[in-house]
Amino acid sequence: MRKHMENIIPAVVIVLLILVFALLVGNKVYAESVEAARTEQREVLESTYLTTMRGVLEESGFYNSGVNMTKATNEEGEWEYTVIIYNRSFEWMEDLAREELEKELVMIGEDSLGKISLDLLVR
């Protein structure tokens, strides 16, 4: 009986190690798939924001604007965006109209993306 138990214990340990390994791999795969889904969702939101922003610019008469959007995470892990829009026509805008356009363009994306800093520059 004792010899029989000596043979079973290593087999049980091996089975338990295999189960633990399978659980760890499963959790890692699940976490990666969740992160991939979040990344894909954020990319869709960013693309939608850029498309909507370009539409607002064109409706306001600012065709062929150059748009540069960069993103970074802050200390809390939240995304922050910097958007720079280039158009020669910004040079002739009044300050109030320029501020209103900036506010409108920021508001379009802040609900879905978070903090957005935006500058209108003359090219």
C-alpha atoms as a PDB file:
ATOM      1  CA  MET A   1       0.000   0.000   0.000  1.00  0.00           C
ATOM      2  CA  ARG A   2       2.819   2.368   0.891  1.00  0.00           C
ATOM      3  CA  LYS A   3       4.574   1.741  -2.427  1.00  0.00           C
ATOM      4  CA  HIS A   4       1.284   2.432  -4.221  1.00  0.00           C
ATOM      5  CA  MET A   5       0.997   5.851  -2.483  1.00  0.00           C
ATOM      6  CA  GLU A   6       4.570   6.724  -3.401  1.00  0.00           C
ATOM      7  CA  ASN A   7       3.661   6.254  -7.069  1.00  0.00           C
ATOM      8  CA  ILE A   8       0.441   8.302  -6.856  1.00  0.00           C
ATOM      9  CA  ILE A   9       1.874  11.413  -5.164  1.00  0.00           C
ATOM     10  CA  PRO A  10       4.216  12.402  -8.028  1.00  0.00           C
ATOM     11  CA  ALA A  11       1.414  11.828 -10.534  1.00  0.00           C
ATOM     12  CA  VAL A  12      -0.954  14.058  -8.539  1.00  0.00           C
ATOM     13  CA  VAL A  13       1.710  16.774  -8.260  1.00  0.00           C
ATOM     14  CA  ILE A  14       2.305  16.657 -12.021  1.00  0.00           C
ATOM     15  CA  VAL A  15      -1.429  16.891 -12.750  1.00  0.00           C
ATOM     16  CA  LEU A  16      -1.769  19.860 -10.379  1.00  0.00           C
ATOM     17  CA  LEU A  17       1.196  21.624 -11.994  1.00  0.00           C
ATOM     18  CA  ILE A  18      -0.347  21.105 -15.431  1.00  0.00           C
ATOM     19  CA  LEU A  19      -3.666  22.538 -14.206  1.00  0.00           C
ATOM     20  CA  VAL A  20      -1.971  25.583 -12.667  1.00  0.00           C
ATOM     21  CA  PHE A  21       0.002  26.159 -15.870  1.00  0.00           C
ATOM     22  CA  ALA A  22      -3.177  25.857 -17.966  1.00  0.00           C
ATOM     23  CA  LEU A  23      -4.975  28.378 -15.749  1.00  0.00           C
ATOM     24  CA  LEU A  24      -2.098  30.849 -15.944  1.00  0.00           C
ATOM     25  CA  VAL A  25      -1.908  30.586 -19.731  1.00  0.00           C
ATOM     26  CA  GLY A  26      -5.690  30.929 -19.986  1.00  0.00           C
ATOM     27  CA  ASN A  27      -5.691  34.078 -17.859  1.00  0.00           C
ATOM     28  CA  LYS A  28      -2.882  35.601 -19.910  1.00  0.00           C
ATOM     29  CA  VAL A  29      -4.701  34.902 -23.180  1.00  0.00           C
ATOM     30  CA  TYR A  30      -7.926  36.357 -21.766  1.00  0.00           C
ATOM     31  CA  ALA A  31      -6.161  39.506 -20.525  1.00  0.00           C
ATOM     32  CA  GLU A  32      -4.502  39.995 -23.911  1.00  0.00           C
ATOM     33  CA  SER A  33      -7.821  39.624 -25.734  1.00  0.00           C
ATOM     34  CA  VAL A  34      -9.488  42.157 -23.415  1.00  0.00           C
ATOM     35  CA  GLU A  35      -6.633  44.612 -23.997  1.00  0.00           C
ATOM     36  CA  ALA A  36      -6.842  44.070 -27.763  1.00  0.00           C
ATOM     37  CA  ALA A  37     -10.585  44.798 -27.674  1.00  0.00           C
ATOM     38  CA  ARG A  38      -9.991  48.004 -25.687  1.00  0.00           C
ATOM     39  CA  THR A  39      -7.292  49.098 -28.121  1.00  0.00           C
ATOM     40  CA  GLU A  40      -9.553  48.426 -31.091  1.00  0.00           C
ATOM     41  CA  GLN A  41     -12.409  50.371 -29.473  1.00  0.00           C
ATOM     42  CA  ARG A  42     -10.107  53.337 -28.759  1.00  0.00           C
ATOM     43  CA  GLU A  43      -8.847  53.309 -32.352  1.00  0.00           C
ATOM     44  CA  VAL A  44     -12.442  53.416 -33.621  1.00  0.00           C
ATOM     45  CA  LEU A  45     -13.201  56.369 -31.313  1.00  0.00           C
ATOM     46  CA  GLU A  46     -10.061  58.184 -32.493  1.00  0.00           C
ATOM     47  CA  SER A  47     -10.921  57.600 -36.147  1.00  0.00           C
ATOM     48  CA  THR A  48     -14.499  58.780 -35.589  1.00  0.00           C
ATOM     49  CA  TYR A  49     -13.222  61.913 -33.839  1.00  0.00           C
ATOM     50  CA  LEU A  50     -10.855  62.759 -36.691  1.00  0.00           C
ATOM     51  CA  THR A  51     -13.580  62.210 -39.300  1.00  0.00           C
ATOM     52  CA  THR A  52     -16.088  64.345 -37.388  1.00  0.00           C
ATOM     53  CA  MET A  53     -13.490  67.048 -36.771  1.00  0.00           C
ATOM     54  CA  ARG A  54     -12.582  67.200 -40.469  1.00  0.00           C
ATOM     55  CA  GLY A  55     -16.289  67.511 -41.294  1.00  0.00           C
ATOM     56  CA  VAL A  56     -16.686  70.460 -38.915  1.00  0.00           C
ATOM     57  CA  LEU A  57     -13.594  72.123 -40.383  1.00  0.00           C
ATOM     58  CA  GLU A  58     -14.901  71.720 -43.933  1.00  0.00           C
ATOM     59  CA  GLU A  59     -18.371  72.979 -42.946  1.00  0.00           C
ATOM     60  CA  SER A  60     -16.641  76.039 -41.486  1.00  0.00           C
ATOM     61  CA  GLY A  61     -14.789  76.622 -44.759  1.00  0.00           C
ATOM     62  CA  PHE A  62     -11.394  75.267 -43.722  1.00  0.00           C
ATOM     63  CA  TYR A  63     -10.744  72.813 -46.539  1.00  0.00           C
ATOM     64  CA  ASN A  64      -7.492  70.874 -46.841  1.00  0.00           C
ATOM     65  CA  SER A  65      -6.529  71.393 -43.212  1.00  0.00           C
ATOM     66  CA  GLY A  66      -3.533  69.451 -41.970  1.00  0.00           C
ATOM     67  CA  VAL A  67      -4.355  67.535 -38.807  1.00  0.00           C
ATOM     68  CA  ASN A  68      -1.783  66.014 -36.463  1.00  0.00           C
ATOM     69  CA  MET A  69      -3.017  64.052 -33.441  1.00  0.00           C
ATOM     70  CA  THR A  70      -0.658  62.523 -30.894  1.00  0.00           C
ATOM     71  CA  LYS A  71      -1.545  60.650 -27.730  1.00  0.00           C
ATOM     72  CA  ALA A  72       0.230  59.819 -24.493  1.00  0.00           C
ATOM     73  CA  THR A  73      -0.700  58.504 -21.079  1.00  0.00           C
ATOM     74  CA  ASN A  74      -0.425  60.678 -17.994  1.00  0.00           C
ATOM     75  CA  GLU A  75       0.683  59.629 -14.482  1.00  0.00           C
ATOM     76  CA  GLU A  76      -2.766  58.189 -13.722  1.00  0.00           C
ATOM     77  CA  GLY A  77      -2.695  56.044 -16.872  1.00  0.00           C
ATOM     78  CA  GLU A  78      -5.331  58.119 -18.687  1.00  0.00           C
ATOM     79  CA  TRP A  79      -4.942  59.015 -22.343  1.00  0.00           C
ATOM     80  CA  GLU A  80      -4.257  62.646 -23.260  1.00  0.00           C
ATOM     81  CA  TYR A  81      -4.386  63.898 -26.835  1.00  0.00           C
ATOM     82  CA  THR A  82      -2.678  66.815 -28.520  1.00  0.00           C
ATOM     83  CA  VAL A  83      -4.270  67.956 -31.770  1.00  0.00           C
ATOM     84  CA  ILE A  84      -2.645  70.514 -34.050  1.00  0.00           C
ATOM     85  CA  ILE A  85      -4.578  71.747 -37.071  1.00  0.00           C
ATOM     86  CA  TYR A  86      -2.817  73.671 -39.825  1.00  0.00           C
ATOM     87  CA  ASN A  87      -4.610  75.955 -42.279  1.00  0.00           C
ATOM     88  CA  ARG A  88      -3.560  79.220 -43.878  1.00  0.00           C
ATOM     89  CA  SER A  89      -7.055  80.675 -43.372  1.00  0.00           C
ATOM     90  CA  PHE A  90      -6.686  80.647 -39.578  1.00  0.00           C
ATOM     91  CA  GLU A  91      -4.537  83.755 -40.021  1.00  0.00           C
ATOM     92  CA  TRP A  92      -7.600  85.851 -40.938  1.00  0.00           C
ATOM     93  CA  MET A  93      -9.890  84.590 -38.165  1.00  0.00           C
ATOM     94  CA  GLU A  94     -10.960  86.856 -35.354  1.00  0.00           C
ATOM     95  CA  ASP A  95      -9.851  85.715 -31.907  1.00  0.00           C
ATOM     96  CA  LEU A  96     -13.397  85.018 -30.692  1.00  0.00           C
ATOM     97  CA  ALA A  97     -14.264  82.927 -33.747  1.00  0.00           C
ATOM     98  CA  ARG A  98     -10.999  81.057 -33.383  1.00  0.00           C
ATOM     99  CA  GLU A  99     -11.681  80.281 -29.703  1.00  0.00           C
ATOM    100  CA  GLU A 100     -15.211  79.103 -30.501  1.00  0.00           C
ATOM    101  CA  LEU A 101     -13.935  76.778 -33.225  1.00  0.00           C
ATOM    102  CA  GLU A 102     -11.285  75.377 -30.863  1.00  0.00           C
ATOM    103  CA  LYS A 103     -13.903  74.755 -28.152  1.00  0.00           C
ATOM    104  CA  GLU A 104     -16.239  73.054 -30.622  1.00  0.00           C
ATOM    105  CA  LEU A 105     -13.490  70.782 -31.933  1.00  0.00           C
ATOM    106  CA  VAL A 106     -12.402  69.824 -28.405  1.00  0.00           C
ATOM    107  CA  MET A 107     -15.975  69.147 -27.253  1.00  0.00           C
ATOM    108  CA  ILE A 108     -16.536  66.727 -30.128  1.00  0.00           C
ATOM    109  CA  GLY A 109     -13.976  64.300 -28.724  1.00  0.00           C
ATOM    110  CA  GLU A 110     -13.681  64.960 -24.993  1.00  0.00           C
ATOM    111  CA  ASP A 111     -16.663  62.809 -24.023  1.00  0.00           C
ATOM    112  CA  SER A 112     -15.327  59.732 -25.776  1.00  0.00           C
ATOM    113  CA  LEU A 113     -11.550  60.238 -25.698  1.00  0.00           C
ATOM    114  CA  GLY A 114     -10.795  62.285 -22.587  1.00  0.00           C
ATOM    115  CA  LYS A 115      -8.468  65.280 -22.299  1.00  0.00           C
ATOM    116  CA  ILE A 116      -7.719  67.012 -25.597  1.00  0.00           C
ATOM    117  CA  SER A 117      -5.379  69.968 -26.119  1.00  0.00           C
ATOM    118  CA  LEU A 118      -5.945  71.677 -29.455  1.00  0.00           C
ATOM    119  CA  ASP A 119      -4.079  74.382 -31.368  1.00  0.00           C
ATOM    120  CA  LEU A 120      -4.989  76.060 -34.643  1.00  0.00           C
ATOM    121  CA  LEU A 121      -1.825  77.043 -36.498  1.00  0.00           C
ATOM    122  CA  VAL A 122      -1.204  78.908 -39.741  1.00  0.00           C
ATOM    123  CA  ARG A 123       0.793  76.937 -42.264  1.00  0.00           C
END
